[in-house]
Protein backbone atom coordinates (compact mmCIF):
# COMPACT_ATOMS: atom_id res chain seq x y z
CA UNK A 1 9.26 -2.34 -20.96
CA UNK A 2 7.86 -0.17 -17.94
CA UNK A 3 9.85 -0.90 -14.73
CA UNK A 4 6.77 -2.50 -12.44
CA UNK A 5 6.64 -0.39 -8.80
CA UNK A 6 7.08 -2.89 -6.07
CA UNK A 7 5.42 -2.66 -2.69
CA UNK A 8 7.02 -4.55 0.39
CA UNK A 9 4.01 -6.25 2.75
CA UNK A 10 4.38 -5.50 6.37
CA UNK A 11 2.69 -8.55 7.69
CA UNK A 12 4.89 -11.45 5.26
CA UNK A 13 7.47 -9.13 4.40
CA UNK A 14 7.27 -10.23 0.57
CA UNK A 15 7.69 -7.96 -2.11
CA UNK A 16 4.33 -7.36 -4.44
CA UNK A 17 3.43 -5.12 -7.85
CA UNK A 18 1.90 -1.85 -6.39
CA UNK A 19 -1.79 -2.23 -7.88
CA UNK A 20 -1.75 -5.98 -5.64
CA UNK A 21 -1.89 -4.31 -2.52
CA UNK A 22 -3.72 -1.71 -0.09
CA UNK A 23 -2.99 0.98 1.61
CA UNK A 24 -3.83 1.55 5.07
CA UNK A 25 -3.29 5.18 6.26
CA UNK A 26 -4.25 6.96 9.97
CA UNK A 27 -5.80 10.17 9.25
CA UNK A 28 -5.17 12.95 11.68
CA UNK A 29 -8.37 12.25 13.89
CA UNK A 30 -7.18 9.00 14.34
CA UNK A 31 -9.04 6.85 12.39
CA UNK A 32 -7.68 3.94 10.80
CA UNK A 33 -9.21 3.57 6.52
CA UNK A 34 -8.09 2.30 3.14
CA UNK A 35 -6.11 4.68 1.18
CA UNK A 36 -8.01 4.01 -2.70
CA UNK A 37 -6.05 6.44 -4.31
CA UNK A 38 -3.11 4.99 -3.44
CA UNK A 39 -0.64 8.19 -2.54
């Protein structure tokens, strides 16, 4: 059985599978964007 990567939500402090969460990043220019690559 393969291990499912888990990540913690900053808002609720609950753990969820990585694929169920969005990654929000700040670019070097200061913009806030959703990172669709998840990396």
